[in-house]
PDB file of N, CA and C in Angstrom:
ATOM      1  N   MET A   1       0.815  -1.182   0.000  1.00  0.00           N
ATOM      2  CA  MET A   1       0.000   0.000   0.000  1.00  0.00           C
ATOM      3  C   MET A   1       0.870   1.261   0.000  1.00  0.00           C
ATOM      4  N   GLN A   2       2.033   1.182   0.677  1.00  0.00           N
ATOM      5  CA  GLN A   2       2.909   2.349   0.710  1.00  0.00           C
ATOM      6  C   GLN A   2       3.441   2.685  -0.686  1.00  0.00           C
ATOM      7  N   ARG A   3       3.735   1.669  -1.447  1.00  0.00           N
ATOM      8  CA  ARG A   3       4.244   1.905  -2.799  1.00  0.00           C
ATOM      9  C   ARG A   3       3.188   2.589  -3.672  1.00  0.00           C
ATOM     10  N   VAL A   4       1.948   2.166  -3.563  1.00  0.00           N
ATOM     11  CA  VAL A   4       0.863   2.773  -4.346  1.00  0.00           C
ATOM     12  C   VAL A   4       0.679   4.232  -3.934  1.00  0.00           C
ATOM     13  N   THR A   5       0.719   4.507  -2.636  1.00  0.00           N
ATOM     14  CA  THR A   5       0.569   5.869  -2.142  1.00  0.00           C
ATOM     15  C   THR A   5       1.735   6.737  -2.612  1.00  0.00           C
ATOM     16  N   ALA A   6       2.944   6.216  -2.554  1.00  0.00           N
ATOM     17  CA  ALA A   6       4.116   6.963  -2.998  1.00  0.00           C
ATOM     18  C   ALA A   6       4.047   7.238  -4.504  1.00  0.00           C
ATOM     19  N   LEU A   7       3.589   6.235  -5.255  1.00  0.00           N
ATOM     20  CA  LEU A   7       3.466   6.401  -6.703  1.00  0.00           C
ATOM     21  C   LEU A   7       2.409   7.446  -7.044  1.00  0.00           C
ATOM     22  N   LEU A   8       1.273   7.383  -6.380  1.00  0.00           N
ATOM     23  CA  LEU A   8       0.214   8.362  -6.630  1.00  0.00           C
ATOM     24  C   LEU A   8       0.652   9.769  -6.222  1.00  0.00           C
ATOM     25  N   THR A   9       1.369   9.870  -5.111  1.00  0.00           N
ATOM     26  CA  THR A   9       1.857  11.180  -4.674  1.00  0.00           C
ATOM     27  C   THR A   9       2.840  11.746  -5.692  1.00  0.00           C
ATOM     28  N   SER A  10       3.735  10.924  -6.194  1.00  0.00           N
ATOM     29  CA  SER A  10       4.700  11.368  -7.198  1.00  0.00           C
ATOM     30  C   SER A  10       3.999  11.797  -8.484  1.00  0.00           C
ATOM     31  N   LEU A  11       2.982  11.037  -8.869  1.00  0.00           N
ATOM     32  CA  LEU A  11       2.238  11.359 -10.078  1.00  0.00           C
ATOM     33  C   LEU A  11       1.502  12.694  -9.944  1.00  0.00           C
ATOM     34  N   VAL A  12       0.876  12.934  -8.804  1.00  0.00           N
ATOM     35  CA  VAL A  12       0.158  14.185  -8.568  1.00  0.00           C
ATOM     36  C   VAL A  12       1.122  15.369  -8.562  1.00  0.00           C
ATOM     37  N   VAL A  13       2.253  15.206  -7.920  1.00  0.00           N
ATOM     38  CA  VAL A  13       3.239  16.283  -7.881  1.00  0.00           C
ATOM     39  C   VAL A  13       3.775  16.558  -9.285  1.00  0.00           C
ATOM     40  N   ALA A  14       4.063  15.524 -10.039  1.00  0.00           N
ATOM     41  CA  ALA A  14       4.583  15.700 -11.397  1.00  0.00           C
ATOM     42  C   ALA A  14       3.563  16.402 -12.289  1.00  0.00           C
ATOM     43  N   LEU A  15       2.297  16.038 -12.165  1.00  0.00           N
ATOM     44  CA  LEU A  15       1.262  16.687 -12.972  1.00  0.00           C
ATOM     45  C   LEU A  15       1.038  18.135 -12.544  1.00  0.00           C
ATOM     46  N   ALA A  16       1.175  18.415 -11.278  1.00  0.00           N
ATOM     47  CA  ALA A  16       0.975  19.782 -10.785  1.00  0.00           C
ATOM     48  C   ALA A  16       2.128  20.696 -11.185  1.00  0.00           C
ATOM     49  N   VAL A  17       3.333  20.168 -11.262  1.00  0.00           N
ATOM     50  CA  VAL A  17       4.511  20.977 -11.559  1.00  0.00           C
ATOM     51  C   VAL A  17       4.735  21.116 -13.063  1.00  0.00           C
ATOM     52  N   SER A  18       4.280  20.179 -13.876  1.00  0.00           N
ATOM     53  CA  SER A  18       4.578  20.196 -15.311  1.00  0.00           C
ATOM     54  C   SER A  18       4.098  21.464 -16.020  1.00  0.00           C
ATOM     55  N   PRO A  19       2.917  22.038 -15.735  1.00  0.00           N
ATOM     56  CA  PRO A  19       2.566  23.298 -16.415  1.00  0.00           C
ATOM     57  C   PRO A  19       3.491  24.443 -16.028  1.00  0.00           C
ATOM     58  N   LEU A  20       3.990  24.438 -14.795  1.00  0.00           N
ATOM     59  CA  LEU A  20       4.886  25.503 -14.364  1.00  0.00           C
ATOM     60  C   LEU A  20       6.229  25.405 -15.052  1.00  0.00           C
ATOM     61  N   VAL A  21       6.679  24.210 -15.299  1.00  0.00           N
ATOM     62  CA  VAL A  21       7.971  23.999 -15.938  1.00  0.00           C
ATOM     63  C   VAL A  21       7.866  24.278 -17.430  1.00  0.00           C
ATOM     64  N   ALA A  22       6.745  23.928 -18.065  1.00  0.00           N
ATOM     65  CA  ALA A  22       6.591  24.092 -19.508  1.00  0.00           C
ATOM     66  C   ALA A  22       6.307  25.539 -19.899  1.00  0.00           C
ATOM     67  N   ALA A  23       5.728  26.326 -19.023  1.00  0.00           N
ATOM     68  CA  ALA A  23       5.313  27.685 -19.382  1.00  0.00           C
ATOM     69  C   ALA A  23       6.460  28.581 -19.832  1.00  0.00           C
ATOM     70  N   PRO A  24       7.597  28.649 -19.127  1.00  0.00           N
ATOM     71  CA  PRO A  24       8.651  29.559 -19.584  1.00  0.00           C
ATOM     72  C   PRO A  24       9.251  29.173 -20.925  1.00  0.00           C
ATOM     73  N   GLY A  25       9.200  27.914 -21.300  1.00  0.00           N
ATOM     74  CA  GLY A  25       9.780  27.476 -22.554  1.00  0.00           C
ATOM     75  C   GLY A  25       8.907  27.765 -23.755  1.00  0.00           C
ATOM     76  N   GLN A  26       7.674  28.166 -23.554  1.00  0.00           N
ATOM     77  CA  GLN A  26       6.787  28.418 -24.674  1.00  0.00           C
ATOM     78  C   GLN A  26       7.187  29.718 -25.361  1.00  0.00           C
ATOM     79  N   ALA A  27       7.067  29.721 -26.675  1.00  0.00           N
ATOM     80  CA  ALA A  27       7.447  30.905 -27.438  1.00  0.00           C
ATOM     81  C   ALA A  27       6.420  32.010 -27.237  1.00  0.00           C
ATOM     82  N   ALA A  28       6.901  33.227 -27.204  1.00  0.00           N
ATOM     83  CA  ALA A  28       6.019  34.384 -27.092  1.00  0.00           C
ATOM     84  C   ALA A  28       5.292  34.585 -28.414  1.00  0.00           C
ATOM     85  N   GLU A  29       4.166  35.248 -28.354  1.00  0.00           N
ATOM     86  CA  GLU A  29       3.406  35.540 -29.562  1.00  0.00           C
ATOM     87  C   GLU A  29       4.228  36.459 -30.458  1.00  0.00           C
ATOM     88  N   PRO A  30       4.319  36.160 -31.755  1.00  0.00           N
ATOM     89  CA  PRO A  30       5.157  36.988 -32.621  1.00  0.00           C
ATOM     90  C   PRO A  30       4.595  38.398 -32.773  1.00  0.00           C
ATOM     91  N   ALA A  31       5.486  39.341 -32.975  1.00  0.00           N
ATOM     92  CA  ALA A  31       5.069  40.731 -33.177  1.00  0.00           C
ATOM     93  C   ALA A  31       4.396  40.863 -34.536  1.00  0.00           C
ATOM     94  N   PRO A  32       3.456  41.782 -34.654  1.00  0.00           N
ATOM     95  CA  PRO A  32       2.808  41.967 -35.959  1.00  0.00           C
ATOM     96  C   PRO A  32       3.811  42.472 -36.992  1.00  0.00           C
ATOM     97  N   ALA A  33       3.607  42.068 -38.217  1.00  0.00           N
ATOM     98  CA  ALA A  33       4.501  42.481 -39.291  1.00  0.00           C
ATOM     99  C   ALA A  33       4.307  43.962 -39.585  1.00  0.00           C
ATOM    100  N   PRO A  34       5.390  44.677 -39.888  1.00  0.00           N
ATOM    101  CA  PRO A  34       5.248  46.093 -40.225  1.00  0.00           C
ATOM    102  C   PRO A  34       4.533  46.242 -41.563  1.00  0.00           C
ATOM    103  N   SER A  35       3.934  47.381 -41.779  1.00  0.00           N
ATOM    104  CA  SER A  35       3.257  47.608 -43.045  1.00  0.00           C
ATOM    105  C   SER A  35       4.294  47.696 -44.159  1.00  0.00           C
ATOM    106  N   ALA A  36       3.830  47.618 -45.381  1.00  0.00           N
ATOM    107  CA  ALA A  36       4.730  47.649 -46.528  1.00  0.00           C
ATOM    108  C   ALA A  36       5.472  48.975 -46.602  1.00  0.00           C
ATOM    109  N   VAL A  37       4.801  50.060 -46.255  1.00  0.00           N
ATOM    110  CA  VAL A  37       5.434  51.375 -46.335  1.00  0.00           C
ATOM    111  C   VAL A  37       6.523  51.506 -45.284  1.00  0.00           C
ATOM    112  N   THR A  38       6.223  51.142 -44.040  1.00  0.00           N
ATOM    113  CA  THR A  38       7.214  51.311 -42.985  1.00  0.00           C
ATOM    114  C   THR A  38       8.373  50.337 -43.140  1.00  0.00           C
ATOM    115  N   ALA A  39       8.143  49.175 -43.745  1.00  0.00           N
ATOM    116  CA  ALA A  39       9.240  48.232 -43.961  1.00  0.00           C
ATOM    117  C   ALA A  39      10.184  48.740 -45.051  1.00  0.00           C
ATOM    118  N   ALA A  40       9.619  49.394 -46.074  1.00  0.00           N
ATOM    119  CA  ALA A  40      10.436  49.881 -47.177  1.00  0.00           C
ATOM    120  C   ALA A  40      11.154  51.179 -46.833  1.00  0.00           C
ATOM    121  N   TYR A  41      10.548  52.001 -45.986  1.00  0.00           N
ATOM    122  CA  TYR A  41      11.097  53.311 -45.655  1.00  0.00           C
ATOM    123  C   TYR A  41      11.137  53.490 -44.144  1.00  0.00           C
ATOM    124  N   PRO A  42      12.127  52.935 -43.473  1.00  0.00           N
ATOM    125  CA  PRO A  42      12.145  53.084 -42.015  1.00  0.00           C
ATOM    126  C   PRO A  42      12.347  54.545 -41.622  1.00  0.00           C
ATOM    127  N   GLY A  43      11.460  55.047 -40.814  1.00  0.00           N
ATOM    128  CA  GLY A  43      11.525  56.436 -40.364  1.00  0.00           C
ATOM    129  C   GLY A  43      11.335  56.494 -38.867  1.00  0.00           C
ATOM    130  N   VAL A  44      10.996  57.673 -38.392  1.00  0.00           N
ATOM    131  CA  VAL A  44      10.766  57.898 -36.965  1.00  0.00           C
ATOM    132  C   VAL A  44       9.285  58.161 -36.760  1.00  0.00           C
ATOM    133  N   LEU A  45       8.678  57.413 -35.868  1.00  0.00           N
ATOM    134  CA  LEU A  45       7.278  57.635 -35.547  1.00  0.00           C
ATOM    135  C   LEU A  45       7.201  58.838 -34.610  1.00  0.00           C
ATOM    136  N   GLN A  46       6.629  59.934 -35.096  1.00  0.00           N
ATOM    137  CA  GLN A  46       6.550  61.156 -34.306  1.00  0.00           C
ATOM    138  C   GLN A  46       5.284  61.233 -33.475  1.00  0.00           C
ATOM    139  N   GLY A  47       4.211  60.611 -33.923  1.00  0.00           N
ATOM    140  CA  GLY A  47       2.973  60.693 -33.162  1.00  0.00           C
ATOM    141  C   GLY A  47       1.885  59.858 -33.794  1.00  0.00           C
ATOM    142  N   VAL A  48       0.841  59.612 -33.010  1.00  0.00           N
ATOM    143  CA  VAL A  48      -0.331  58.874 -33.473  1.00  0.00           C
ATOM    144  C   VAL A  48      -1.535  59.769 -33.217  1.00  0.00           C
ATOM    145  N   TYR A  49      -2.362  59.949 -34.244  1.00  0.00           N
ATOM    146  CA  TYR A  49      -3.478  60.880 -34.178  1.00  0.00           C
ATOM    147  C   TYR A  49      -4.791  60.173 -34.490  1.00  0.00           C
ATOM    148  N   TYR A  50      -5.869  60.674 -33.896  1.00  0.00           N
ATOM    149  CA  TYR A  50      -7.195  60.134 -34.159  1.00  0.00           C
ATOM    150  C   TYR A  50      -7.736  60.624 -35.504  1.00  0.00           C
ATOM    151  N   GLU A  51      -7.357  61.822 -35.900  1.00  0.00           N
ATOM    152  CA  GLU A  51      -7.881  62.437 -37.118  1.00  0.00           C
ATOM    153  C   GLU A  51      -6.767  62.689 -38.125  1.00  0.00           C
ATOM    154  N   ARG A  52      -7.047  62.455 -39.410  1.00  0.00           N
ATOM    155  CA  ARG A  52      -6.060  62.659 -40.471  1.00  0.00           C
ATOM    156  C   ARG A  52      -5.628  64.123 -40.579  1.00  0.00           C
ATOM    157  N   PRO A  53      -6.538  65.099 -40.501  1.00  0.00           N
ATOM    158  CA  PRO A  53      -6.090  66.498 -40.606  1.00  0.00           C
ATOM    159  C   PRO A  53      -5.078  66.887 -39.531  1.00  0.00           C
ATOM    160  N   ASP A  54      -5.217  66.357 -38.329  1.00  0.00           N
ATOM    161  CA  ASP A  54      -4.244  66.659 -37.270  1.00  0.00           C
ATOM    162  C   ASP A  54      -2.863  66.131 -37.646  1.00  0.00           C
ATOM    163  N   CYS A  55      -2.824  64.932 -38.186  1.00  0.00           N
ATOM    164  CA  CYS A  55      -1.554  64.335 -38.605  1.00  0.00           C
ATOM    165  C   CYS A  55      -0.928  65.160 -39.723  1.00  0.00           C
ATOM    166  N   LEU A  56      -1.731  65.539 -40.715  1.00  0.00           N
ATOM    167  CA  LEU A  56      -1.224  66.332 -41.833  1.00  0.00           C
ATOM    168  C   LEU A  56      -0.706  67.693 -41.370  1.00  0.00           C
ATOM    169  N   ASP A  57      -1.451  68.336 -40.489  1.00  0.00           N
ATOM    170  CA  ASP A  57      -1.040  69.650 -39.991  1.00  0.00           C
ATOM    171  C   ASP A  57       0.294  69.584 -39.263  1.00  0.00           C
ATOM    172  N   TYR A  58       0.466  68.609 -38.400  1.00  0.00           N
ATOM    173  CA  TYR A  58       1.710  68.517 -37.652  1.00  0.00           C
ATOM    174  C   TYR A  58       2.875  68.110 -38.555  1.00  0.00           C
ATOM    175  N   GLY A  59       2.606  67.293 -39.568  1.00  0.00           N
ATOM    176  CA  GLY A  59       3.652  66.939 -40.522  1.00  0.00           C
ATOM    177  C   GLY A  59       4.166  68.165 -41.264  1.00  0.00           C
ATOM    178  N   ARG A  60       3.232  69.009 -41.749  1.00  0.00           N
ATOM    179  CA  ARG A  60       3.618  70.252 -42.427  1.00  0.00           C
ATOM    180  C   ARG A  60       4.358  71.196 -41.482  1.00  0.00           C
ATOM    181  N   TYR A  61       3.870  71.290 -40.261  1.00  0.00           N
ATOM    182  CA  TYR A  61       4.494  72.159 -39.265  1.00  0.00           C
ATOM    183  C   TYR A  61       5.954  71.753 -39.020  1.00  0.00           C
ATOM    184  N   GLY A  62       6.199  70.465 -38.925  1.00  0.00           N
ATOM    185  CA  GLY A  62       7.561  69.987 -38.692  1.00  0.00           C
ATOM    186  C   GLY A  62       8.513  70.343 -39.816  1.00  0.00           C
ATOM    187  N   VAL A  63       8.029  70.281 -41.071  1.00  0.00           N
ATOM    188  CA  VAL A  63       8.866  70.663 -42.208  1.00  0.00           C
ATOM    189  C   VAL A  63       9.138  72.166 -42.156  1.00  0.00           C
ATOM    190  N   GLN A  64       8.115  72.958 -41.884  1.00  0.00           N
ATOM    191  CA  GLN A  64       8.283  74.417 -41.830  1.00  0.00           C
ATOM    192  C   GLN A  64       9.259  74.837 -40.735  1.00  0.00           C
ATOM    193  N   GLN A  65       9.266  74.110 -39.630  1.00  0.00           N
ATOM    194  CA  GLN A  65      10.146  74.445 -38.509  1.00  0.00           C
ATOM    195  C   GLN A  65      11.520  73.788 -38.608  1.00  0.00           C
ATOM    196  N   GLY A  66      11.739  72.998 -39.655  1.00  0.00           N
ATOM    197  CA  GLY A  66      13.032  72.349 -39.849  1.00  0.00           C
ATOM    198  C   GLY A  66      13.262  71.141 -38.943  1.00  0.00           C
ATOM    199  N   MET A  67      12.191  70.567 -38.412  1.00  0.00           N
ATOM    200  CA  MET A  67      12.349  69.412 -37.522  1.00  0.00           C
ATOM    201  C   MET A  67      12.606  68.130 -38.306  1.00  0.00           C
ATOM    202  N   TRP A  68      12.127  68.037 -39.547  1.00  0.00           N
ATOM    203  CA  TRP A  68      12.381  66.906 -40.429  1.00  0.00           C
ATOM    204  C   TRP A  68      12.244  67.374 -41.860  1.00  0.00           C
ATOM    205  N   ASP A  69      12.776  66.546 -42.789  1.00  0.00           N
ATOM    206  CA  ASP A  69      12.793  66.915 -44.205  1.00  0.00           C
ATOM    207  C   ASP A  69      11.574  66.406 -44.961  1.00  0.00           C
ATOM    208  N   TRP A  70      11.079  65.252 -44.567  1.00  0.00           N
ATOM    209  CA  TRP A  70       9.983  64.632 -45.295  1.00  0.00           C
ATOM    210  C   TRP A  70       9.127  63.863 -44.313  1.00  0.00           C
ATOM    211  N   TRP A  71       7.855  63.657 -44.624  1.00  0.00           N
ATOM    212  CA  TRP A  71       6.943  62.988 -43.705  1.00  0.00           C
ATOM    213  C   TRP A  71       5.780  62.387 -44.478  1.00  0.00           C
ATOM    214  N   PHE A  72       5.078  61.481 -43.855  1.00  0.00           N
ATOM    215  CA  PHE A  72       3.795  61.022 -44.385  1.00  0.00           C
ATOM    216  C   PHE A  72       2.948  60.477 -43.241  1.00  0.00           C
ATOM    217  N   CYS A  73       1.638  60.462 -43.464  1.00  0.00           N
ATOM    218  CA  CYS A  73       0.681  59.945 -42.482  1.00  0.00           C
ATOM    219  C   CYS A  73       0.171  58.601 -42.983  1.00  0.00           C
ATOM    220  N   GLU A  74       0.267  57.598 -42.150  1.00  0.00           N
ATOM    221  CA  GLU A  74      -0.149  56.244 -42.508  1.00  0.00           C
ATOM    222  C   GLU A  74      -1.398  55.877 -41.712  1.00  0.00           C
ATOM    223  N   ASP A  75      -2.425  55.399 -42.415  1.00  0.00           N
ATOM    224  CA  ASP A  75      -3.638  54.928 -41.753  1.00  0.00           C
ATOM    225  C   ASP A  75      -3.371  53.535 -41.208  1.00  0.00           C
ATOM    226  N   ASN A  76      -3.502  53.382 -39.903  1.00  0.00           N
ATOM    227  CA  ASN A  76      -3.247  52.101 -39.265  1.00  0.00           C
ATOM    228  C   ASN A  76      -4.423  51.781 -38.351  1.00  0.00           C
ATOM    229  N   ASN A  77      -5.392  51.049 -38.876  1.00  0.00           N
ATOM    230  CA  ASN A  77      -6.592  50.643 -38.134  1.00  0.00           C
ATOM    231  C   ASN A  77      -7.353  51.830 -37.556  1.00  0.00           C
ATOM    232  N   GLY A  78      -7.553  52.852 -38.369  1.00  0.00           N
ATOM    233  CA  GLY A  78      -8.326  54.002 -37.938  1.00  0.00           C
ATOM    234  C   GLY A  78      -7.532  55.061 -37.193  1.00  0.00           C
ATOM    235  N   MET A  79      -6.277  54.806 -36.899  1.00  0.00           N
ATOM    236  CA  MET A  79      -5.400  55.790 -36.265  1.00  0.00           C
ATOM    237  C   MET A  79      -4.399  56.255 -37.330  1.00  0.00           C
ATOM    238  N   TRP A  80      -3.973  57.483 -37.225  1.00  0.00           N
ATOM    239  CA  TRP A  80      -3.038  58.047 -38.202  1.00  0.00           C
ATOM    240  C   TRP A  80      -1.666  58.176 -37.579  1.00  0.00           C
ATOM    241  N   TRP A  81      -0.686  57.488 -38.160  1.00  0.00           N
ATOM    242  CA  TRP A  81       0.687  57.485 -37.665  1.00  0.00           C
ATOM    243  C   TRP A  81       1.501  58.453 -38.493  1.00  0.00           C
ATOM    244  N   LEU A  82       2.185  59.384 -37.835  1.00  0.00           N
ATOM    245  CA  LEU A  82       3.036  60.349 -38.519  1.00  0.00           C
ATOM    246  C   LEU A  82       4.474  59.832 -38.529  1.00  0.00           C
ATOM    247  N   TRP A  83       4.954  59.501 -39.722  1.00  0.00           N
ATOM    248  CA  TRP A  83       6.327  59.025 -39.906  1.00  0.00           C
ATOM    249  C   TRP A  83       7.143  60.159 -40.479  1.00  0.00           C
ATOM    250  N   THR A  84       8.329  60.402 -39.922  1.00  0.00           N
ATOM    251  CA  THR A  84       9.178  61.495 -40.389  1.00  0.00           C
ATOM    252  C   THR A  84      10.559  60.975 -40.778  1.00  0.00           C
ATOM    253  N   PHE A  85      11.215  61.745 -41.652  1.00  0.00           N
ATOM    254  CA  PHE A  85      12.520  61.363 -42.176  1.00  0.00           C
ATOM    255  C   PHE A  85      13.405  62.591 -42.236  1.00  0.00           C
ATOM    256  N   THR A  86      14.639  62.443 -41.803  1.00  0.00           N
ATOM    257  CA  THR A  86      15.626  63.511 -41.869  1.00  0.00           C
ATOM    258  C   THR A  86      16.786  63.015 -42.733  1.00  0.00           C
ATOM    259  N   TYR A  87      17.142  63.783 -43.733  1.00  0.00           N
ATOM    260  CA  TYR A  87      18.204  63.377 -44.658  1.00  0.00           C
ATOM    261  C   TYR A  87      19.460  64.147 -44.405  1.00  0.00           C
TER     262      TYR A  87
END
């Protein structure tokens, strides 16, 4: 009877510990792929805007103030990302 109890105890402990041991080895979820524009032209993300006119206005403002040479606004799931480039 002692052997059966020892075997069952070992089995329960092994089953309880196995998810804890396996969890750190699991791969993290991969990052989303960059859009075609950002992959082809790596720039600096200056801001994210709810409205396209806000993104356009700040992009123009940055060129006028000499903060960057070129910019564009990218629609990303309803948000507008302002990408800037300095040459």
